[in-house]
Amino acid sequence: MECRRIIVVTGSVGAGKTTLSRELARILQCRYINLGDYLISKGLTAGIDRRRKSIVVKEGNIMDELKKEDCLIIETIYPNLLSGISPDLVIVLKCDPEELYRRLKDRYDAEKIIENVEADVIDTFTIESINTFGDDKIMEIDTTNTTLEDEVKLVLSALNGSVKLPIFLNRGLDIYIKLNSIRRMLLGHS
């Protein structure tokens, strides 16, 4: 019987998806795919949403070619596009809003930062992942103060069964207060 492993890594821009995904691919000897880049390279995009600075994906099944892989680490901000697969693990990376702001402030404009911080705060990636894959394979990791080594250990523990899934963080109301503070600062309100 063929041994297959598919791991999806999702979360807001700046949460650490690329770093973790590439390291997991190296350690597990899997193919790493950034889903956005993959869609562009295969001509599966319908264009660019210039206002949101993101790609617009064509409708249809994007997973046929990817299903052939034995071991795959898929990094994405679009977990809902992967409904055609059954991953072994879905990792949702989260980050404190103020730290996420610091990571994004030199890369994006205020609107894009707010969009990404809000998406993280309201659990967009967790909710989309649950709706797409169910909740039994979800593992949230807070990357605010963790090292890459710590994150990899958590993931490997989940894969070998020594950590029971699902794992959800409970960050509370203080996160929403921080979000409002960032929004006011970026939009110039006191």
N, C-alpha and C. Protein backbone atom coordinates (compact mmCIF):
# COMPACT_ATOMS: atom_id res chain seq x y z
N MET A 1 0.85 -1.19 0.00
CA MET A 1 0.00 0.00 0.00
C MET A 1 0.89 1.24 0.00
N GLU A 2 0.51 2.20 -0.78
CA GLU A 2 1.25 3.44 -0.92
C GLU A 2 1.12 4.30 0.34
N CYS A 3 2.24 4.81 0.83
CA CYS A 3 2.24 5.68 2.00
C CYS A 3 2.16 7.12 1.52
N ARG A 4 1.06 7.77 1.83
CA ARG A 4 0.88 9.15 1.40
C ARG A 4 0.78 10.03 2.62
N ARG A 5 1.27 11.24 2.47
CA ARG A 5 1.17 12.20 3.55
C ARG A 5 0.93 13.56 2.92
N ILE A 6 -0.13 14.23 3.38
CA ILE A 6 -0.42 15.58 2.93
C ILE A 6 -0.62 16.45 4.17
N ILE A 7 0.13 17.53 4.21
CA ILE A 7 0.02 18.49 5.31
C ILE A 7 -0.29 19.85 4.70
N VAL A 8 -1.32 20.49 5.22
CA VAL A 8 -1.70 21.83 4.78
C VAL A 8 -1.27 22.81 5.88
N VAL A 9 -0.60 23.88 5.47
CA VAL A 9 -0.19 24.93 6.40
C VAL A 9 -0.86 26.22 5.95
N THR A 10 -1.68 26.79 6.82
CA THR A 10 -2.42 28.00 6.47
C THR A 10 -2.30 29.02 7.60
N GLY A 11 -2.79 30.20 7.35
CA GLY A 11 -2.73 31.29 8.31
C GLY A 11 -2.52 32.60 7.58
N SER A 12 -2.55 33.66 8.32
CA SER A 12 -2.41 35.00 7.75
C SER A 12 -1.03 35.20 7.14
N VAL A 13 -0.96 36.15 6.22
CA VAL A 13 0.33 36.61 5.72
C VAL A 13 1.15 37.07 6.92
N GLY A 14 2.40 36.64 7.00
CA GLY A 14 3.27 37.04 8.09
C GLY A 14 3.26 36.12 9.30
N ALA A 15 2.42 35.10 9.29
CA ALA A 15 2.34 34.20 10.45
C ALA A 15 3.47 33.19 10.50
N GLY A 16 4.16 32.97 9.38
CA GLY A 16 5.28 32.04 9.36
C GLY A 16 5.05 30.78 8.54
N LYS A 17 4.08 30.82 7.63
CA LYS A 17 3.74 29.63 6.83
C LYS A 17 4.90 29.15 5.97
N THR A 18 5.53 30.05 5.26
CA THR A 18 6.61 29.64 4.34
C THR A 18 7.77 29.02 5.10
N THR A 19 8.19 29.65 6.17
CA THR A 19 9.31 29.14 6.95
C THR A 19 9.02 27.74 7.48
N LEU A 20 7.85 27.56 8.11
CA LEU A 20 7.50 26.25 8.66
C LEU A 20 7.31 25.23 7.55
N SER A 21 6.61 25.60 6.49
CA SER A 21 6.34 24.66 5.39
C SER A 21 7.63 24.14 4.76
N ARG A 22 8.54 25.04 4.48
CA ARG A 22 9.82 24.62 3.86
C ARG A 22 10.63 23.72 4.79
N GLU A 23 10.62 24.02 6.07
CA GLU A 23 11.36 23.19 7.01
C GLU A 23 10.72 21.81 7.14
N LEU A 24 9.41 21.75 7.19
CA LEU A 24 8.73 20.45 7.23
C LEU A 24 9.01 19.64 5.97
N ALA A 25 8.98 20.30 4.83
CA ALA A 25 9.28 19.61 3.57
C ALA A 25 10.69 19.04 3.58
N ARG A 26 11.62 19.80 4.12
CA ARG A 26 13.01 19.33 4.20
C ARG A 26 13.12 18.12 5.13
N ILE A 27 12.56 18.23 6.31
CA ILE A 27 12.67 17.16 7.31
C ILE A 27 11.93 15.90 6.87
N LEU A 28 10.73 16.07 6.34
CA LEU A 28 9.90 14.91 5.96
C LEU A 28 10.17 14.44 4.54
N GLN A 29 11.05 15.15 3.83
CA GLN A 29 11.38 14.84 2.44
C GLN A 29 10.12 14.81 1.56
N CYS A 30 9.38 15.89 1.68
CA CYS A 30 8.14 16.07 0.92
C CYS A 30 8.32 17.17 -0.12
N ARG A 31 7.43 17.19 -1.07
CA ARG A 31 7.39 18.30 -2.03
C ARG A 31 6.69 19.47 -1.35
N TYR A 32 7.30 20.64 -1.44
CA TYR A 32 6.70 21.87 -0.91
C TYR A 32 6.01 22.60 -2.05
N ILE A 33 4.78 23.03 -1.80
CA ILE A 33 4.05 23.82 -2.79
C ILE A 33 3.41 25.01 -2.11
N ASN A 34 3.69 26.20 -2.63
CA ASN A 34 2.96 27.40 -2.26
C ASN A 34 1.77 27.42 -3.22
N LEU A 35 0.56 27.26 -2.70
CA LEU A 35 -0.61 27.10 -3.56
C LEU A 35 -0.81 28.30 -4.48
N GLY A 36 -0.60 29.51 -3.99
CA GLY A 36 -0.76 30.69 -4.83
C GLY A 36 0.18 30.67 -6.02
N ASP A 37 1.46 30.37 -5.77
CA ASP A 37 2.44 30.28 -6.86
C ASP A 37 2.10 29.15 -7.82
N TYR A 38 1.65 28.04 -7.26
CA TYR A 38 1.27 26.87 -8.07
C TYR A 38 0.12 27.24 -9.02
N LEU A 39 -0.90 27.91 -8.48
CA LEU A 39 -2.05 28.30 -9.30
C LEU A 39 -1.64 29.22 -10.44
N ILE A 40 -0.75 30.16 -10.14
CA ILE A 40 -0.27 31.08 -11.17
C ILE A 40 0.51 30.32 -12.23
N SER A 41 1.42 29.44 -11.81
CA SER A 41 2.26 28.70 -12.76
C SER A 41 1.46 27.76 -13.66
N LYS A 42 0.32 27.28 -13.16
CA LYS A 42 -0.52 26.36 -13.94
C LYS A 42 -1.62 27.10 -14.71
N GLY A 43 -1.63 28.43 -14.64
CA GLY A 43 -2.64 29.20 -15.35
C GLY A 43 -4.04 29.04 -14.77
N LEU A 44 -4.12 28.81 -13.47
CA LEU A 44 -5.41 28.59 -12.82
C LEU A 44 -5.94 29.83 -12.11
N THR A 45 -5.41 30.99 -12.49
CA THR A 45 -5.91 32.23 -11.90
C THR A 45 -6.70 33.01 -12.95
N ALA A 46 -7.67 33.75 -12.46
CA ALA A 46 -8.49 34.56 -13.35
C ALA A 46 -8.02 36.01 -13.36
N GLY A 47 -6.98 36.31 -12.59
CA GLY A 47 -6.45 37.67 -12.55
C GLY A 47 -5.99 38.04 -11.16
N ILE A 48 -5.79 39.34 -10.98
CA ILE A 48 -5.32 39.88 -9.71
C ILE A 48 -6.35 40.88 -9.20
N ASP A 49 -6.71 40.75 -7.93
CA ASP A 49 -7.54 41.74 -7.27
C ASP A 49 -6.58 42.83 -6.78
N ARG A 50 -6.48 43.91 -7.54
CA ARG A 50 -5.48 44.94 -7.23
C ARG A 50 -5.76 45.64 -5.90
N ARG A 51 -7.02 45.81 -5.57
CA ARG A 51 -7.36 46.46 -4.30
C ARG A 51 -6.89 45.63 -3.12
N ARG A 52 -7.11 44.31 -3.17
CA ARG A 52 -6.72 43.43 -2.07
C ARG A 52 -5.32 42.86 -2.24
N LYS A 53 -4.71 43.11 -3.40
CA LYS A 53 -3.37 42.60 -3.71
C LYS A 53 -3.31 41.09 -3.53
N SER A 54 -4.26 40.40 -4.17
CA SER A 54 -4.30 38.95 -4.09
C SER A 54 -4.82 38.39 -5.41
N ILE A 55 -4.58 37.09 -5.61
CA ILE A 55 -5.01 36.47 -6.86
C ILE A 55 -6.48 36.10 -6.81
N VAL A 56 -7.10 36.05 -7.98
CA VAL A 56 -8.47 35.57 -8.14
C VAL A 56 -8.35 34.21 -8.81
N VAL A 57 -8.91 33.20 -8.19
CA VAL A 57 -8.75 31.83 -8.66
C VAL A 57 -9.90 31.44 -9.57
N LYS A 58 -9.54 30.73 -10.67
CA LYS A 58 -10.56 30.18 -11.56
C LYS A 58 -11.30 29.07 -10.84
N GLU A 59 -12.56 28.91 -11.17
CA GLU A 59 -13.34 27.81 -10.61
C GLU A 59 -12.86 26.49 -11.19
N GLY A 60 -13.05 25.43 -10.45
CA GLY A 60 -12.68 24.10 -10.96
C GLY A 60 -11.79 23.36 -9.99
N ASN A 61 -11.51 22.11 -10.31
CA ASN A 61 -10.70 21.26 -9.44
C ASN A 61 -9.22 21.49 -9.71
N ILE A 62 -8.52 21.97 -8.73
CA ILE A 62 -7.09 22.27 -8.89
C ILE A 62 -6.21 21.15 -8.37
N MET A 63 -6.82 20.11 -7.82
CA MET A 63 -6.05 19.13 -7.08
C MET A 63 -5.64 17.89 -7.86
N ASP A 64 -6.09 17.70 -9.09
CA ASP A 64 -5.81 16.46 -9.81
C ASP A 64 -4.33 16.12 -9.85
N GLU A 65 -3.50 17.07 -10.23
CA GLU A 65 -2.06 16.82 -10.31
C GLU A 65 -1.45 16.61 -8.93
N LEU A 66 -1.91 17.37 -7.96
CA LEU A 66 -1.34 17.28 -6.62
C LEU A 66 -1.68 15.96 -5.94
N LYS A 67 -2.80 15.36 -6.29
CA LYS A 67 -3.20 14.09 -5.68
C LYS A 67 -2.23 12.97 -6.01
N LYS A 68 -1.41 13.14 -7.02
CA LYS A 68 -0.46 12.11 -7.43
C LYS A 68 0.78 12.07 -6.55
N GLU A 69 1.00 13.10 -5.76
CA GLU A 69 2.21 13.19 -4.93
C GLU A 69 2.13 12.25 -3.73
N ASP A 70 3.28 11.66 -3.36
CA ASP A 70 3.33 10.78 -2.19
C ASP A 70 3.40 11.56 -0.89
N CYS A 71 4.13 12.65 -0.89
CA CYS A 71 4.30 13.44 0.32
C CYS A 71 4.30 14.91 -0.09
N LEU A 72 3.40 15.67 0.51
CA LEU A 72 3.16 17.02 0.05
C LEU A 72 2.93 17.95 1.23
N ILE A 73 3.62 19.08 1.23
CA ILE A 73 3.37 20.16 2.18
C ILE A 73 2.81 21.32 1.36
N ILE A 74 1.56 21.69 1.62
CA ILE A 74 0.90 22.75 0.86
C ILE A 74 0.73 23.98 1.75
N GLU A 75 1.38 25.07 1.37
CA GLU A 75 1.23 26.35 2.06
C GLU A 75 0.16 27.14 1.32
N THR A 76 -0.82 27.67 2.07
CA THR A 76 -1.89 28.39 1.41
C THR A 76 -2.59 29.38 2.32
N ILE A 77 -3.12 30.43 1.71
CA ILE A 77 -4.07 31.30 2.41
C ILE A 77 -5.48 30.99 1.91
N TYR A 78 -5.60 29.94 1.11
CA TYR A 78 -6.88 29.53 0.51
C TYR A 78 -7.21 28.08 0.88
N PRO A 79 -7.39 27.74 2.15
CA PRO A 79 -7.65 26.33 2.48
C PRO A 79 -8.92 25.80 1.82
N ASN A 80 -9.88 26.65 1.58
CA ASN A 80 -11.14 26.22 0.97
C ASN A 80 -10.95 25.70 -0.45
N LEU A 81 -9.85 26.06 -1.12
CA LEU A 81 -9.60 25.56 -2.48
C LEU A 81 -9.09 24.13 -2.49
N LEU A 82 -8.80 23.58 -1.33
CA LEU A 82 -8.23 22.25 -1.24
C LEU A 82 -9.26 21.20 -0.83
N SER A 83 -10.52 21.47 -1.10
CA SER A 83 -11.58 20.55 -0.68
C SER A 83 -11.48 19.18 -1.34
N GLY A 84 -10.68 19.05 -2.39
CA GLY A 84 -10.55 17.77 -3.07
C GLY A 84 -9.54 16.83 -2.45
N ILE A 85 -8.94 17.21 -1.33
CA ILE A 85 -7.94 16.33 -0.71
C ILE A 85 -8.34 16.02 0.73
N SER A 86 -7.69 15.02 1.28
CA SER A 86 -7.89 14.65 2.68
C SER A 86 -6.54 14.68 3.37
N PRO A 87 -6.17 15.83 3.93
CA PRO A 87 -4.85 15.94 4.54
C PRO A 87 -4.74 15.14 5.84
N ASP A 88 -3.51 14.76 6.16
CA ASP A 88 -3.23 14.11 7.43
C ASP A 88 -3.28 15.12 8.58
N LEU A 89 -2.91 16.35 8.26
CA LEU A 89 -2.84 17.39 9.27
C LEU A 89 -3.04 18.74 8.60
N VAL A 90 -3.79 19.61 9.27
CA VAL A 90 -3.96 21.00 8.83
C VAL A 90 -3.44 21.89 9.95
N ILE A 91 -2.39 22.63 9.64
CA ILE A 91 -1.76 23.51 10.63
C ILE A 91 -2.22 24.93 10.34
N VAL A 92 -2.83 25.55 11.35
CA VAL A 92 -3.26 26.94 11.23
C VAL A 92 -2.34 27.77 12.12
N LEU A 93 -1.53 28.61 11.48
CA LEU A 93 -0.61 29.47 12.22
C LEU A 93 -1.31 30.76 12.62
N LYS A 94 -1.17 31.12 13.89
CA LYS A 94 -1.78 32.33 14.43
C LYS A 94 -0.67 33.20 15.00
N CYS A 95 -0.97 34.47 15.19
CA CYS A 95 0.03 35.39 15.71
C CYS A 95 -0.67 36.52 16.45
N ASP A 96 -0.07 36.97 17.53
CA ASP A 96 -0.60 38.12 18.25
C ASP A 96 -0.74 39.30 17.28
N PRO A 97 -1.86 40.03 17.33
CA PRO A 97 -2.08 41.12 16.37
C PRO A 97 -0.97 42.16 16.33
N GLU A 98 -0.44 42.52 17.48
CA GLU A 98 0.63 43.54 17.49
C GLU A 98 1.90 43.00 16.85
N GLU A 99 2.22 41.75 17.08
CA GLU A 99 3.39 41.15 16.45
C GLU A 99 3.17 41.00 14.95
N LEU A 100 1.97 40.60 14.56
CA LEU A 100 1.66 40.48 13.13
C LEU A 100 1.78 41.84 12.45
N TYR A 101 1.30 42.88 13.12
CA TYR A 101 1.46 44.24 12.60
C TYR A 101 2.95 44.56 12.38
N ARG A 102 3.78 44.25 13.38
CA ARG A 102 5.23 44.52 13.25
C ARG A 102 5.83 43.76 12.07
N ARG A 103 5.39 42.54 11.87
CA ARG A 103 5.93 41.73 10.77
C ARG A 103 5.49 42.25 9.40
N LEU A 104 4.34 42.90 9.35
CA LEU A 104 3.77 43.32 8.06
C LEU A 104 4.00 44.79 7.72
N LYS A 105 4.32 45.63 8.70
CA LYS A 105 4.31 47.09 8.49
C LYS A 105 5.25 47.57 7.39
N ASP A 106 6.36 46.88 7.16
CA ASP A 106 7.29 47.29 6.11
C ASP A 106 7.00 46.64 4.77
N ARG A 107 6.04 45.73 4.74
CA ARG A 107 5.74 44.98 3.52
C ARG A 107 4.44 45.42 2.83
N TYR A 108 3.49 45.96 3.61
CA TYR A 108 2.17 46.23 3.05
C TYR A 108 1.64 47.57 3.51
N ASP A 109 0.60 48.05 2.80
CA ASP A 109 -0.05 49.29 3.20
C ASP A 109 -1.04 49.00 4.33
N ALA A 110 -1.59 50.08 4.90
CA ALA A 110 -2.47 49.97 6.07
C ALA A 110 -3.66 49.06 5.80
N GLU A 111 -4.29 49.20 4.64
CA GLU A 111 -5.47 48.39 4.33
C GLU A 111 -5.15 46.90 4.32
N LYS A 112 -4.04 46.53 3.71
CA LYS A 112 -3.65 45.12 3.64
C LYS A 112 -3.28 44.59 5.03
N ILE A 113 -2.64 45.41 5.84
CA ILE A 113 -2.29 44.99 7.20
C ILE A 113 -3.56 44.73 8.01
N ILE A 114 -4.50 45.68 7.96
CA ILE A 114 -5.75 45.52 8.70
C ILE A 114 -6.48 44.26 8.24
N GLU A 115 -6.55 44.05 6.93
CA GLU A 115 -7.23 42.86 6.39
C GLU A 115 -6.61 41.58 6.96
N ASN A 116 -5.29 41.51 6.99
CA ASN A 116 -4.62 40.30 7.47
C ASN A 116 -4.74 40.13 8.97
N VAL A 117 -4.59 41.21 9.72
CA VAL A 117 -4.73 41.12 11.18
C VAL A 117 -6.16 40.73 11.54
N GLU A 118 -7.14 41.33 10.89
CA GLU A 118 -8.54 40.98 11.15
C GLU A 118 -8.80 39.51 10.82
N ALA A 119 -8.29 39.05 9.70
CA ALA A 119 -8.49 37.64 9.31
C ALA A 119 -7.95 36.71 10.38
N ASP A 120 -6.80 37.05 10.94
CA ASP A 120 -6.21 36.23 12.00
C ASP A 120 -7.06 36.29 13.27
N VAL A 121 -7.45 37.49 13.65
CA VAL A 121 -8.20 37.69 14.89
C VAL A 121 -9.55 36.99 14.86
N ILE A 122 -10.25 37.05 13.75
CA ILE A 122 -11.58 36.44 13.70
C ILE A 122 -11.54 34.98 13.25
N ASP A 123 -10.34 34.41 13.26
CA ASP A 123 -10.15 32.97 13.00
C ASP A 123 -10.59 32.54 11.61
N THR A 124 -10.43 33.41 10.62
CA THR A 124 -10.82 33.09 9.25
C THR A 124 -10.21 31.79 8.77
N PHE A 125 -8.92 31.60 9.00
CA PHE A 125 -8.24 30.42 8.46
C PHE A 125 -8.64 29.15 9.21
N THR A 126 -8.89 29.27 10.50
CA THR A 126 -9.37 28.12 11.27
C THR A 126 -10.77 27.73 10.81
N ILE A 127 -11.64 28.71 10.68
CA ILE A 127 -13.02 28.43 10.27
C ILE A 127 -13.06 27.83 8.87
N GLU A 128 -12.30 28.41 7.92
CA GLU A 128 -12.26 27.85 6.56
C GLU A 128 -11.69 26.44 6.56
N SER A 129 -10.70 26.20 7.40
CA SER A 129 -10.10 24.86 7.47
C SER A 129 -11.09 23.85 8.04
N ILE A 130 -11.81 24.23 9.09
CA ILE A 130 -12.82 23.34 9.66
C ILE A 130 -13.91 23.06 8.64
N ASN A 131 -14.38 24.10 7.96
CA ASN A 131 -15.43 23.92 6.95
C ASN A 131 -14.97 23.05 5.79
N THR A 132 -13.69 23.09 5.47
CA THR A 132 -13.16 22.33 4.34
C THR A 132 -12.78 20.91 4.72
N PHE A 133 -12.15 20.72 5.88
CA PHE A 133 -11.57 19.42 6.24
C PHE A 133 -12.18 18.76 7.47
N GLY A 134 -13.07 19.46 8.20
CA GLY A 134 -13.53 18.96 9.49
C GLY A 134 -12.56 19.42 10.56
N ASP A 135 -12.93 19.18 11.83
CA ASP A 135 -12.08 19.71 12.90
C ASP A 135 -11.11 18.70 13.50
N ASP A 136 -11.17 17.45 13.09
CA ASP A 136 -10.37 16.42 13.75
C ASP A 136 -8.90 16.40 13.35
N LYS A 137 -8.51 17.17 12.34
CA LYS A 137 -7.12 17.19 11.88
C LYS A 137 -6.48 18.57 12.01
N ILE A 138 -7.13 19.46 12.75
CA ILE A 138 -6.68 20.85 12.85
C ILE A 138 -5.74 21.02 14.04
N MET A 139 -4.66 21.76 13.81
CA MET A 139 -3.72 22.10 14.86
C MET A 139 -3.38 23.58 14.73
N GLU A 140 -3.83 24.39 15.68
CA GLU A 140 -3.45 25.80 15.70
C GLU A 140 -2.13 25.94 16.46
N ILE A 141 -1.24 26.76 15.91
CA ILE A 141 0.03 27.06 16.57
C ILE A 141 0.18 28.58 16.62
N ASP A 142 0.43 29.10 17.81
CA ASP A 142 0.70 30.53 17.97
C ASP A 142 2.18 30.76 17.73
N THR A 143 2.51 31.48 16.66
CA THR A 143 3.91 31.70 16.28
C THR A 143 4.50 32.99 16.86
N THR A 144 3.76 33.64 17.73
CA THR A 144 4.20 34.93 18.27
C THR A 144 5.57 34.83 18.94
N ASN A 145 5.74 33.87 19.81
CA ASN A 145 6.98 33.75 20.58
C ASN A 145 7.63 32.38 20.47
N THR A 146 7.28 31.61 19.46
CA THR A 146 7.86 30.28 19.32
C THR A 146 9.03 30.31 18.34
N THR A 147 9.89 29.32 18.45
CA THR A 147 10.96 29.16 17.48
C THR A 147 10.51 28.17 16.42
N LEU A 148 11.17 28.19 15.29
CA LEU A 148 10.88 27.22 14.24
C LEU A 148 11.06 25.80 14.77
N GLU A 149 12.08 25.59 15.56
CA GLU A 149 12.33 24.27 16.14
C GLU A 149 11.15 23.81 17.00
N ASP A 150 10.60 24.72 17.82
CA ASP A 150 9.44 24.39 18.66
C ASP A 150 8.23 24.03 17.80
N GLU A 151 8.02 24.80 16.75
CA GLU A 151 6.88 24.55 15.86
C GLU A 151 7.01 23.19 15.19
N VAL A 152 8.21 22.88 14.70
CA VAL A 152 8.44 21.59 14.04
C VAL A 152 8.20 20.44 15.02
N LYS A 153 8.68 20.58 16.26
CA LYS A 153 8.46 19.53 17.27
C LYS A 153 6.97 19.30 17.51
N LEU A 154 6.20 20.38 17.59
CA LEU A 154 4.75 20.24 17.77
C LEU A 154 4.11 19.48 16.62
N VAL A 155 4.49 19.84 15.41
CA VAL A 155 3.92 19.20 14.22
C VAL A 155 4.31 17.72 14.18
N LEU A 156 5.57 17.42 14.42
CA LEU A 156 6.01 16.02 14.40
C LEU A 156 5.31 15.21 15.48
N SER A 157 5.06 15.82 16.64
CA SER A 157 4.32 15.15 17.71
C SER A 157 2.89 14.84 17.28
N ALA A 158 2.28 15.76 16.56
CA ALA A 158 0.93 15.52 16.05
C ALA A 158 0.93 14.41 15.01
N LEU A 159 1.93 14.41 14.14
CA LEU A 159 2.00 13.39 13.09
C LEU A 159 2.25 11.99 13.64
N ASN A 160 3.03 11.89 14.72
CA ASN A 160 3.31 10.56 15.26
C ASN A 160 2.28 10.12 16.30
N GLY A 161 1.29 10.98 16.55
CA GLY A 161 0.19 10.61 17.43
C GLY A 161 0.42 10.88 18.90
N SER A 162 1.56 11.46 19.27
CA SER A 162 1.80 11.71 20.69
C SER A 162 1.08 12.96 21.20
N VAL A 163 0.54 13.74 20.28
CA VAL A 163 -0.30 14.89 20.62
C VAL A 163 -1.67 14.63 20.00
N LYS A 164 -2.71 14.73 20.81
CA LYS A 164 -4.06 14.46 20.33
C LYS A 164 -4.63 15.69 19.63
N LEU A 165 -5.22 15.45 18.47
CA LEU A 165 -5.88 16.52 17.71
C LEU A 165 -7.38 16.45 17.97
N PRO A 166 -8.13 17.52 17.78
CA PRO A 166 -7.67 18.85 17.34
C PRO A 166 -7.06 19.65 18.49
N ILE A 167 -6.30 20.67 18.10
CA ILE A 167 -5.72 21.60 19.06
C ILE A 167 -6.15 23.01 18.65
N PHE A 168 -6.94 23.65 19.52
CA PHE A 168 -7.39 25.00 19.25
C PHE A 168 -6.91 25.93 20.35
N LEU A 169 -6.49 27.12 19.96
CA LEU A 169 -6.07 28.14 20.91
C LEU A 169 -7.30 28.91 21.37
N ASN A 170 -7.25 29.43 22.57
CA ASN A 170 -8.33 30.28 23.07
C ASN A 170 -7.68 31.58 23.49
N ARG A 171 -7.77 32.58 22.62
CA ARG A 171 -7.00 33.81 22.84
C ARG A 171 -7.78 34.92 23.52
N GLY A 172 -9.09 34.86 23.54
CA GLY A 172 -9.88 35.78 24.34
C GLY A 172 -10.05 37.19 23.79
N LEU A 173 -10.74 38.00 24.59
CA LEU A 173 -11.14 39.35 24.21
C LEU A 173 -9.96 40.30 24.04
N ASP A 174 -8.84 40.07 24.72
CA ASP A 174 -7.71 40.99 24.60
C ASP A 174 -7.22 41.11 23.16
N ILE A 175 -7.40 40.06 22.38
CA ILE A 175 -7.00 40.08 20.97
C ILE A 175 -7.83 41.11 20.20
N TYR A 176 -9.13 41.15 20.47
CA TYR A 176 -10.00 42.09 19.76
C TYR A 176 -9.69 43.54 20.16
N ILE A 177 -9.30 43.75 21.40
CA ILE A 177 -8.92 45.08 21.85
C ILE A 177 -7.65 45.53 21.12
N LYS A 178 -6.68 44.63 20.97
CA LYS A 178 -5.45 44.95 20.24
C LYS A 178 -5.76 45.26 18.77
N LEU A 179 -6.67 44.51 18.18
CA LEU A 179 -7.05 44.76 16.78
C LEU A 179 -7.60 46.18 16.63
N ASN A 180 -8.48 46.58 17.51
CA ASN A 180 -9.05 47.93 17.42
C ASN A 180 -7.98 48.99 17.59
N SER A 181 -7.01 48.76 18.45
CA SER A 181 -5.91 49.70 18.64
C SER A 181 -5.09 49.84 17.36
N ILE A 182 -4.79 48.73 16.72
CA ILE A 182 -4.03 48.76 15.46
C ILE A 182 -4.83 49.48 14.38
N ARG A 183 -6.12 49.19 14.29
CA ARG A 183 -6.96 49.83 13.28
C ARG A 183 -6.96 51.35 13.47
N ARG A 184 -7.13 51.81 14.72
CA ARG A 184 -7.13 53.25 14.99
C ARG A 184 -5.78 53.87 14.63
N MET A 185 -4.70 53.20 14.97
CA MET A 185 -3.36 53.72 14.69
C MET A 185 -3.13 53.84 13.18
N LEU A 186 -3.50 52.82 12.43
CA LEU A 186 -3.26 52.82 10.99
C LEU A 186 -4.16 53.81 10.25
N LEU A 187 -5.35 54.00 10.76
CA LEU A 187 -6.29 54.89 10.09
C LEU A 187 -6.25 56.31 10.65
N GLY A 188 -5.35 56.55 11.61
CA GLY A 188 -5.15 57.90 12.12
C GLY A 188 -6.22 58.39 13.07
N HIS A 189 -6.91 57.47 13.74
CA HIS A 189 -7.92 57.86 14.73
C HIS A 189 -7.33 57.70 16.11
N SER A 190 -7.71 58.59 17.00
CA SER A 190 -7.20 58.46 18.37
C SER A 190 -8.19 57.79 19.28
